[in-house]
Amino acid sequence: MMLPMMFWVKIHNEEHSFAFFIPLILVYLLLLPLFVLAALAYAVMCLAWDNTKEARGYMMLFFSLPSLLAAARGTEIEVRSDTSDVSLYVK
């Protein structure tokens, strides 16, 4: 499973256009403490097995986010209006 590494944003309007990218490794580093806290919360929920059945389902959804991000590689979103165009690309 290879996670996306770049998020490209291109904005073009009638007067000028520009593009920039966001390195997703920085976003992943910012989200890392949340995953650590979620893993600790999941361990506590496993200790209280009977009381936390519904919450464990939501935690599994949270832990599947890296798989969803890996599946998003190559996704391109374009938004067009009368005055400007925005293109987003996950690489």
PDB file of N, CA and C in Angstrom:
ATOM      1  N   MET A   1       0.850  -1.174   0.000  1.00  0.00           N
ATOM      2  CA  MET A   1       0.000   0.000   0.000  1.00  0.00           C
ATOM      3  C   MET A   1       0.901   1.244   0.000  1.00  0.00           C
ATOM      4  N   MET A   2       0.814   2.013  -1.050  1.00  0.00           N
ATOM      5  CA  MET A   2       1.604   3.231  -1.185  1.00  0.00           C
ATOM      6  C   MET A   2       0.690   4.440  -1.026  1.00  0.00           C
ATOM      7  N   LEU A   3       0.963   5.261  -0.036  1.00  0.00           N
ATOM      8  CA  LEU A   3       0.149   6.450   0.198  1.00  0.00           C
ATOM      9  C   LEU A   3       0.529   7.549  -0.788  1.00  0.00           C
ATOM     10  N   PRO A   4      -0.423   8.416  -1.138  1.00  0.00           N
ATOM     11  CA  PRO A   4      -0.103   9.551  -2.015  1.00  0.00           C
ATOM     12  C   PRO A   4       0.910  10.483  -1.344  1.00  0.00           C
ATOM     13  N   MET A   5       1.768  11.087  -2.160  1.00  0.00           N
ATOM     14  CA  MET A   5       2.817  11.942  -1.619  1.00  0.00           C
ATOM     15  C   MET A   5       2.632  13.421  -1.934  1.00  0.00           C
ATOM     16  N   MET A   6       1.869  13.745  -2.964  1.00  0.00           N
ATOM     17  CA  MET A   6       1.695  15.145  -3.364  1.00  0.00           C
ATOM     18  C   MET A   6       0.220  15.442  -3.619  1.00  0.00           C
ATOM     19  N   PHE A   7      -0.151  16.665  -3.339  1.00  0.00           N
ATOM     20  CA  PHE A   7      -1.480  17.167  -3.622  1.00  0.00           C
ATOM     21  C   PHE A   7      -1.291  18.456  -4.421  1.00  0.00           C
ATOM     22  N   TRP A   8      -1.579  18.406  -5.719  1.00  0.00           N
ATOM     23  CA  TRP A   8      -1.384  19.554  -6.613  1.00  0.00           C
ATOM     24  C   TRP A   8      -2.664  20.368  -6.692  1.00  0.00           C
ATOM     25  N   VAL A   9      -2.529  21.672  -6.651  1.00  0.00           N
ATOM     26  CA  VAL A   9      -3.654  22.586  -6.799  1.00  0.00           C
ATOM     27  C   VAL A   9      -3.294  23.581  -7.902  1.00  0.00           C
ATOM     28  N   LYS A  10      -4.128  23.672  -8.923  1.00  0.00           N
ATOM     29  CA  LYS A  10      -3.924  24.634 -10.013  1.00  0.00           C
ATOM     30  C   LYS A  10      -5.153  25.530 -10.089  1.00  0.00           C
ATOM     31  N   ILE A  11      -4.920  26.817 -10.073  1.00  0.00           N
ATOM     32  CA  ILE A  11      -6.006  27.795 -10.137  1.00  0.00           C
ATOM     33  C   ILE A  11      -5.759  28.679 -11.350  1.00  0.00           C
ATOM     34  N   HIS A  12      -6.774  28.797 -12.174  1.00  0.00           N
ATOM     35  CA  HIS A  12      -6.659  29.586 -13.399  1.00  0.00           C
ATOM     36  C   HIS A  12      -7.900  30.470 -13.510  1.00  0.00           C
ATOM     37  N   ASN A  13      -7.685  31.771 -13.606  1.00  0.00           N
ATOM     38  CA  ASN A  13      -8.807  32.666 -13.881  1.00  0.00           C
ATOM     39  C   ASN A  13      -8.473  33.502 -15.107  1.00  0.00           C
ATOM     40  N   GLU A  14      -9.300  34.454 -15.433  1.00  0.00           N
ATOM     41  CA  GLU A  14      -9.137  35.217 -16.668  1.00  0.00           C
ATOM     42  C   GLU A  14      -7.854  36.039 -16.695  1.00  0.00           C
ATOM     43  N   GLU A  15      -7.397  36.512 -15.549  1.00  0.00           N
ATOM     44  CA  GLU A  15      -6.228  37.381 -15.505  1.00  0.00           C
ATOM     45  C   GLU A  15      -4.909  36.617 -15.372  1.00  0.00           C
ATOM     46  N   HIS A  16      -4.858  35.643 -14.512  1.00  0.00           N
ATOM     47  CA  HIS A  16      -3.603  34.914 -14.284  1.00  0.00           C
ATOM     48  C   HIS A  16      -3.912  33.506 -13.780  1.00  0.00           C
ATOM     49  N   SER A  17      -2.865  32.710 -13.718  1.00  0.00           N
ATOM     50  CA  SER A  17      -3.013  31.364 -13.174  1.00  0.00           C
ATOM     51  C   SER A  17      -1.782  31.022 -12.347  1.00  0.00           C
ATOM     52  N   PHE A  18      -1.963  30.167 -11.392  1.00  0.00           N
ATOM     53  CA  PHE A  18      -0.836  29.710 -10.594  1.00  0.00           C
ATOM     54  C   PHE A  18      -1.133  28.305 -10.079  1.00  0.00           C
ATOM     55  N   ALA A  19      -0.068  27.630  -9.708  1.00  0.00           N
ATOM     56  CA  ALA A  19      -0.182  26.267  -9.202  1.00  0.00           C
ATOM     57  C   ALA A  19       0.744  26.110  -8.005  1.00  0.00           C
ATOM     58  N   PHE A  20       0.346  25.284  -7.086  1.00  0.00           N
ATOM     59  CA  PHE A  20       1.193  24.955  -5.956  1.00  0.00           C
ATOM     60  C   PHE A  20       0.904  23.522  -5.539  1.00  0.00           C
ATOM     61  N   PHE A  21       1.778  22.976  -4.739  1.00  0.00           N
ATOM     62  CA  PHE A  21       1.571  21.623  -4.263  1.00  0.00           C
ATOM     63  C   PHE A  21       1.766  21.565  -2.757  1.00  0.00           C
ATOM     64  N   ILE A  22       1.129  20.591  -2.158  1.00  0.00           N
ATOM     65  CA  ILE A  22       1.248  20.356  -0.727  1.00  0.00           C
ATOM     66  C   ILE A  22       1.872  18.979  -0.554  1.00  0.00           C
ATOM     67  N   PRO A  23       3.051  18.889   0.050  1.00  0.00           N
ATOM     68  CA  PRO A  23       3.619  17.561   0.311  1.00  0.00           C
ATOM     69  C   PRO A  23       2.824  16.880   1.430  1.00  0.00           C
ATOM     70  N   LEU A  24       2.216  15.773   1.108  1.00  0.00           N
ATOM     71  CA  LEU A  24       1.328  15.108   2.053  1.00  0.00           C
ATOM     72  C   LEU A  24       2.064  14.454   3.209  1.00  0.00           C
ATOM     73  N   ILE A  25       3.372  14.305   3.113  1.00  0.00           N
ATOM     74  CA  ILE A  25       4.116  13.741   4.237  1.00  0.00           C
ATOM     75  C   ILE A  25       3.993  14.649   5.457  1.00  0.00           C
ATOM     76  N   LEU A  26       3.910  15.958   5.226  1.00  0.00           N
ATOM     77  CA  LEU A  26       3.715  16.887   6.348  1.00  0.00           C
ATOM     78  C   LEU A  26       2.337  16.707   6.977  1.00  0.00           C
ATOM     79  N   VAL A  27       1.341  16.465   6.152  1.00  0.00           N
ATOM     80  CA  VAL A  27      -0.016  16.214   6.661  1.00  0.00           C
ATOM     81  C   VAL A  27      -0.034  14.913   7.454  1.00  0.00           C
ATOM     82  N   TYR A  28       0.657  13.890   6.945  1.00  0.00           N
ATOM     83  CA  TYR A  28       0.703  12.605   7.652  1.00  0.00           C
ATOM     84  C   TYR A  28       1.401  12.747   9.001  1.00  0.00           C
ATOM     85  N   LEU A  29       2.461  13.542   9.042  1.00  0.00           N
ATOM     86  CA  LEU A  29       3.150  13.754  10.313  1.00  0.00           C
ATOM     87  C   LEU A  29       2.265  14.486  11.316  1.00  0.00           C
ATOM     88  N   LEU A  30       1.442  15.392  10.827  1.00  0.00           N
ATOM     89  CA  LEU A  30       0.508  16.080  11.721  1.00  0.00           C
ATOM     90  C   LEU A  30      -0.593  15.152  12.220  1.00  0.00           C
ATOM     91  N   LEU A  31      -0.983  14.178  11.410  1.00  0.00           N
ATOM     92  CA  LEU A  31      -2.031  13.242  11.807  1.00  0.00           C
ATOM     93  C   LEU A  31      -1.528  12.073  12.637  1.00  0.00           C
ATOM     94  N   LEU A  32      -0.225  11.882  12.695  1.00  0.00           N
ATOM     95  CA  LEU A  32       0.338  10.752  13.423  1.00  0.00           C
ATOM     96  C   LEU A  32      -0.059  10.725  14.904  1.00  0.00           C
ATOM     97  N   PRO A  33      -0.038  11.841  15.630  1.00  0.00           N
ATOM     98  CA  PRO A  33      -0.489  11.786  17.031  1.00  0.00           C
ATOM     99  C   PRO A  33      -1.949  11.346  17.171  1.00  0.00           C
ATOM    100  N   LEU A  34      -2.793  11.703  16.204  1.00  0.00           N
ATOM    101  CA  LEU A  34      -4.184  11.262  16.268  1.00  0.00           C
ATOM    102  C   LEU A  34      -4.298   9.752  16.120  1.00  0.00           C
ATOM    103  N   PHE A  35      -3.481   9.174  15.243  1.00  0.00           N
ATOM    104  CA  PHE A  35      -3.507   7.725  15.087  1.00  0.00           C
ATOM    105  C   PHE A  35      -2.978   7.023  16.335  1.00  0.00           C
ATOM    106  N   VAL A  36      -1.990   7.603  16.993  1.00  0.00           N
ATOM    107  CA  VAL A  36      -1.476   7.014  18.226  1.00  0.00           C
ATOM    108  C   VAL A  36      -2.547   7.056  19.311  1.00  0.00           C
ATOM    109  N   LEU A  37      -3.226   8.188  19.435  1.00  0.00           N
ATOM    110  CA  LEU A  37      -4.305   8.291  20.417  1.00  0.00           C
ATOM    111  C   LEU A  37      -5.451   7.340  20.095  1.00  0.00           C
ATOM    112  N   ALA A  38      -5.745   7.191  18.816  1.00  0.00           N
ATOM    113  CA  ALA A  38      -6.806   6.265  18.419  1.00  0.00           C
ATOM    114  C   ALA A  38      -6.421   4.826  18.741  1.00  0.00           C
ATOM    115  N   ALA A  39      -5.156   4.479  18.569  1.00  0.00           N
ATOM    116  CA  ALA A  39      -4.710   3.122  18.900  1.00  0.00           C
ATOM    117  C   ALA A  39      -4.807   2.867  20.402  1.00  0.00           C
ATOM    118  N   LEU A  40      -4.463   3.868  21.194  1.00  0.00           N
ATOM    119  CA  LEU A  40      -4.609   3.720  22.644  1.00  0.00           C
ATOM    120  C   LEU A  40      -6.078   3.603  23.046  1.00  0.00           C
ATOM    121  N   ALA A  41      -6.929   4.398  22.430  1.00  0.00           N
ATOM    122  CA  ALA A  41      -8.356   4.326  22.728  1.00  0.00           C
ATOM    123  C   ALA A  41      -8.927   2.970  22.315  1.00  0.00           C
ATOM    124  N   TYR A  42      -8.448   2.439  21.207  1.00  0.00           N
ATOM    125  CA  TYR A  42      -8.909   1.128  20.755  1.00  0.00           C
ATOM    126  C   TYR A  42      -8.480   0.033  21.731  1.00  0.00           C
ATOM    127  N   ALA A  43      -7.274   0.155  22.275  1.00  0.00           N
ATOM    128  CA  ALA A  43      -6.814  -0.820  23.268  1.00  0.00           C
ATOM    129  C   ALA A  43      -7.678  -0.773  24.522  1.00  0.00           C
ATOM    130  N   VAL A  44      -8.054   0.421  24.956  1.00  0.00           N
ATOM    131  CA  VAL A  44      -8.926   0.551  26.127  1.00  0.00           C
ATOM    132  C   VAL A  44     -10.308  -0.015  25.820  1.00  0.00           C
ATOM    133  N   MET A  45     -10.795   0.201  24.610  1.00  0.00           N
ATOM    134  CA  MET A  45     -12.105  -0.330  24.236  1.00  0.00           C
ATOM    135  C   MET A  45     -12.106  -1.854  24.188  1.00  0.00           C
ATOM    136  N   CYS A  46     -10.995  -2.428  23.807  1.00  0.00           N
ATOM    137  CA  CYS A  46     -10.921  -3.893  23.790  1.00  0.00           C
ATOM    138  C   CYS A  46     -10.953  -4.465  25.201  1.00  0.00           C
ATOM    139  N   LEU A  47     -10.476  -3.705  26.184  1.00  0.00           N
ATOM    140  CA  LEU A  47     -10.539  -4.164  27.573  1.00  0.00           C
ATOM    141  C   LEU A  47     -11.965  -4.139  28.103  1.00  0.00           C
ATOM    142  N   ALA A  48     -12.744  -3.161  27.679  1.00  0.00           N
ATOM    143  CA  ALA A  48     -14.157  -3.070  28.075  1.00  0.00           C
ATOM    144  C   ALA A  48     -15.008  -3.590  26.921  1.00  0.00           C
ATOM    145  N   TRP A  49     -14.899  -4.881  26.659  1.00  0.00           N
ATOM    146  CA  TRP A  49     -15.452  -5.498  25.454  1.00  0.00           C
ATOM    147  C   TRP A  49     -16.968  -5.330  25.329  1.00  0.00           C
ATOM    148  N   ASP A  50     -17.725  -5.525  26.374  1.00  0.00           N
ATOM    149  CA  ASP A  50     -19.187  -5.522  26.284  1.00  0.00           C
ATOM    150  C   ASP A  50     -19.779  -4.134  26.100  1.00  0.00           C
ATOM    151  N   ASN A  51     -19.151  -3.128  26.632  1.00  0.00           N
ATOM    152  CA  ASN A  51     -19.719  -1.783  26.619  1.00  0.00           C
ATOM    153  C   ASN A  51     -19.369  -0.967  25.383  1.00  0.00           C
ATOM    154  N   THR A  52     -18.461  -1.439  24.540  1.00  0.00           N
ATOM    155  CA  THR A  52     -17.948  -0.589  23.474  1.00  0.00           C
ATOM    156  C   THR A  52     -18.069  -1.215  22.086  1.00  0.00           C
ATOM    157  N   LYS A  53     -19.078  -2.019  21.859  1.00  0.00           N
ATOM    158  CA  LYS A  53     -19.217  -2.668  20.549  1.00  0.00           C
ATOM    159  C   LYS A  53     -19.424  -1.660  19.424  1.00  0.00           C
ATOM    160  N   GLU A  54     -20.260  -0.663  19.631  1.00  0.00           N
ATOM    161  CA  GLU A  54     -20.530   0.333  18.588  1.00  0.00           C
ATOM    162  C   GLU A  54     -19.310   1.221  18.336  1.00  0.00           C
ATOM    163  N   ALA A  55     -18.624   1.590  19.384  1.00  0.00           N
ATOM    164  CA  ALA A  55     -17.459   2.463  19.229  1.00  0.00           C
ATOM    165  C   ALA A  55     -16.330   1.749  18.501  1.00  0.00           C
ATOM    166  N   ARG A  56     -16.180   0.448  18.687  1.00  0.00           N
ATOM    167  CA  ARG A  56     -15.133  -0.285  17.983  1.00  0.00           C
ATOM    168  C   ARG A  56     -15.366  -0.267  16.478  1.00  0.00           C
ATOM    169  N   GLY A  57     -16.620  -0.267  16.053  1.00  0.00           N
ATOM    170  CA  GLY A  57     -16.923  -0.158  14.624  1.00  0.00           C
ATOM    171  C   GLY A  57     -16.469   1.167  14.039  1.00  0.00           C
ATOM    172  N   TYR A  58     -16.658   2.237  14.785  1.00  0.00           N
ATOM    173  CA  TYR A  58     -16.198   3.542  14.316  1.00  0.00           C
ATOM    174  C   TYR A  58     -14.680   3.633  14.302  1.00  0.00           C
ATOM    175  N   MET A  59     -14.033   2.979  15.242  1.00  0.00           N
ATOM    176  CA  MET A  59     -12.569   2.985  15.263  1.00  0.00           C
ATOM    177  C   MET A  59     -12.013   2.238  14.055  1.00  0.00           C
ATOM    178  N   MET A  60     -12.646   1.171  13.646  1.00  0.00           N
ATOM    179  CA  MET A  60     -12.176   0.447  12.466  1.00  0.00           C
ATOM    180  C   MET A  60     -12.312   1.326  11.221  1.00  0.00           C
ATOM    181  N   LEU A  61     -13.339   2.154  11.186  1.00  0.00           N
ATOM    182  CA  LEU A  61     -13.473   3.111  10.090  1.00  0.00           C
ATOM    183  C   LEU A  61     -12.311   4.104  10.101  1.00  0.00           C
ATOM    184  N   PHE A  62     -11.931   4.561  11.271  1.00  0.00           N
ATOM    185  CA  PHE A  62     -10.821   5.495  11.410  1.00  0.00           C
ATOM    186  C   PHE A  62      -9.507   4.851  10.973  1.00  0.00           C
ATOM    187  N   PHE A  63      -9.304   3.576  11.330  1.00  0.00           N
ATOM    188  CA  PHE A  63      -8.064   2.892  10.966  1.00  0.00           C
ATOM    189  C   PHE A  63      -8.010   2.535   9.486  1.00  0.00           C
ATOM    190  N   SER A  64      -9.127   2.571   8.788  1.00  0.00           N
ATOM    191  CA  SER A  64      -9.103   2.265   7.355  1.00  0.00           C
ATOM    192  C   SER A  64      -8.824   3.508   6.500  1.00  0.00           C
ATOM    193  N   LEU A  65      -8.641   4.665   7.093  1.00  0.00           N
ATOM    194  CA  LEU A  65      -8.340   5.881   6.337  1.00  0.00           C
ATOM    195  C   LEU A  65      -7.073   5.779   5.482  1.00  0.00           C
ATOM    196  N   PRO A  66      -5.981   5.160   5.940  1.00  0.00           N
ATOM    197  CA  PRO A  66      -4.826   5.023   5.044  1.00  0.00           C
ATOM    198  C   PRO A  66      -5.143   4.220   3.787  1.00  0.00           C
ATOM    199  N   SER A  67      -5.992   3.220   3.886  1.00  0.00           N
ATOM    200  CA  SER A  67      -6.386   2.449   2.700  1.00  0.00           C
ATOM    201  C   SER A  67      -7.180   3.313   1.733  1.00  0.00           C
ATOM    202  N   LEU A  68      -8.039   4.157   2.276  1.00  0.00           N
ATOM    203  CA  LEU A  68      -8.809   5.056   1.413  1.00  0.00           C
ATOM    204  C   LEU A  68      -7.896   6.070   0.729  1.00  0.00           C
ATOM    205  N   LEU A  69      -6.905   6.569   1.449  1.00  0.00           N
ATOM    206  CA  LEU A  69      -5.960   7.507   0.840  1.00  0.00           C
ATOM    207  C   LEU A  69      -5.127   6.827  -0.233  1.00  0.00           C
ATOM    208  N   ALA A  70      -4.732   5.581  -0.001  1.00  0.00           N
ATOM    209  CA  ALA A  70      -3.957   4.860  -1.006  1.00  0.00           C
ATOM    210  C   ALA A  70      -4.782   4.625  -2.270  1.00  0.00           C
ATOM    211  N   ALA A  71      -6.072   4.420  -2.114  1.00  0.00           N
ATOM    212  CA  ALA A  71      -6.944   4.212  -3.274  1.00  0.00           C
ATOM    213  C   ALA A  71      -7.205   5.511  -4.021  1.00  0.00           C
ATOM    214  N   ALA A  72      -6.932   6.656  -3.390  1.00  0.00           N
ATOM    215  CA  ALA A  72      -7.213   7.949  -4.017  1.00  0.00           C
ATOM    216  C   ALA A  72      -6.095   8.423  -4.934  1.00  0.00           C
ATOM    217  N   ARG A  73      -4.999   7.671  -5.036  1.00  0.00           N
ATOM    218  CA  ARG A  73      -3.903   8.088  -5.932  1.00  0.00           C
ATOM    219  C   ARG A  73      -4.409   8.214  -7.352  1.00  0.00           C
ATOM    220  N   GLY A  74      -4.033   9.304  -8.002  1.00  0.00           N
ATOM    221  CA  GLY A  74      -4.438   9.533  -9.377  1.00  0.00           C
ATOM    222  C   GLY A  74      -5.786  10.219  -9.519  1.00  0.00           C
ATOM    223  N   THR A  75      -6.410  10.576  -8.429  1.00  0.00           N
ATOM    224  CA  THR A  75      -7.705  11.248  -8.479  1.00  0.00           C
ATOM    225  C   THR A  75      -7.521  12.696  -8.910  1.00  0.00           C
ATOM    226  N   GLU A  76      -8.320  13.119  -9.857  1.00  0.00           N
ATOM    227  CA  GLU A  76      -8.274  14.501 -10.321  1.00  0.00           C
ATOM    228  C   GLU A  76      -9.676  15.094 -10.229  1.00  0.00           C
ATOM    229  N   ILE A  77      -9.768  16.252  -9.613  1.00  0.00           N
ATOM    230  CA  ILE A  77     -11.043  16.947  -9.442  1.00  0.00           C
ATOM    231  C   ILE A  77     -10.910  18.298 -10.119  1.00  0.00           C
ATOM    232  N   GLU A  78     -11.835  18.602 -11.005  1.00  0.00           N
ATOM    233  CA  GLU A  78     -11.832  19.900 -11.679  1.00  0.00           C
ATOM    234  C   GLU A  78     -13.149  20.607 -11.396  1.00  0.00           C
ATOM    235  N   VAL A  79     -13.035  21.859 -11.017  1.00  0.00           N
ATOM    236  CA  VAL A  79     -14.203  22.700 -10.762  1.00  0.00           C
ATOM    237  C   VAL A  79     -14.098  23.892 -11.692  1.00  0.00           C
ATOM    238  N   ARG A  80     -15.114  24.101 -12.482  1.00  0.00           N
ATOM    239  CA  ARG A  80     -15.102  25.202 -13.451  1.00  0.00           C
ATOM    240  C   ARG A  80     -16.263  26.148 -13.173  1.00  0.00           C
ATOM    241  N   SER A  81     -15.974  27.426 -13.326  1.00  0.00           N
ATOM    242  CA  SER A  81     -17.014  28.442 -13.222  1.00  0.00           C
ATOM    243  C   SER A  81     -16.816  29.430 -14.363  1.00  0.00           C
ATOM    244  N   ASP A  82     -17.616  30.455 -14.388  1.00  0.00           N
ATOM    245  CA  ASP A  82     -17.512  31.453 -15.453  1.00  0.00           C
ATOM    246  C   ASP A  82     -16.201  32.244 -15.375  1.00  0.00           C
ATOM    247  N   THR A  83     -15.683  32.447 -14.174  1.00  0.00           N
ATOM    248  CA  THR A  83     -14.512  33.301 -14.015  1.00  0.00           C
ATOM    249  C   THR A  83     -13.218  32.551 -13.735  1.00  0.00           C
ATOM    250  N   SER A  84     -13.280  31.356 -13.179  1.00  0.00           N
ATOM    251  CA  SER A  84     -12.042  30.658 -12.840  1.00  0.00           C
ATOM    252  C   SER A  84     -12.222  29.146 -12.883  1.00  0.00           C
ATOM    253  N   ASP A  85     -11.086  28.467 -12.975  1.00  0.00           N
ATOM    254  CA  ASP A  85     -11.042  27.000 -12.963  1.00  0.00           C
ATOM    255  C   ASP A  85     -10.088  26.561 -11.851  1.00  0.00           C
ATOM    256  N   VAL A  86     -10.477  25.523 -11.141  1.00  0.00           N
ATOM    257  CA  VAL A  86      -9.633  24.957 -10.095  1.00  0.00           C
ATOM    258  C   VAL A  86      -9.459  23.472 -10.379  1.00  0.00           C
ATOM    259  N   SER A  87      -8.217  23.027 -10.355  1.00  0.00           N
ATOM    260  CA  SER A  87      -7.917  21.619 -10.599  1.00  0.00           C
ATOM    261  C   SER A  87      -7.147  21.073  -9.411  1.00  0.00           C
ATOM    262  N   LEU A  88      -7.594  19.960  -8.847  1.00  0.00           N
ATOM    263  CA  LEU A  88      -6.941  19.300  -7.726  1.00  0.00           C
ATOM    264  C   LEU A  88      -6.503  17.915  -8.188  1.00  0.00           C
ATOM    265  N   TYR A  89      -5.281  17.545  -7.872  1.00  0.00           N
ATOM    266  CA  TYR A  89      -4.764  16.263  -8.321  1.00  0.00           C
ATOM    267  C   TYR A  89      -3.972  15.605  -7.195  1.00  0.00           C
ATOM    268  N   VAL A  90      -4.318  14.373  -6.861  1.00  0.00           N
ATOM    269  CA  VAL A  90      -3.609  13.607  -5.841  1.00  0.00           C
ATOM    270  C   VAL A  90      -2.608  12.713  -6.547  1.00  0.00           C
ATOM    271  N   LYS A  91      -1.328  12.908  -6.258  1.00  0.00           N
ATOM    272  CA  LYS A  91      -0.271  12.160  -6.960  1.00  0.00           C
ATOM    273  C   LYS A  91       0.510  11.317  -5.979  1.00  0.00           C
TER     274      LYS A  91
END
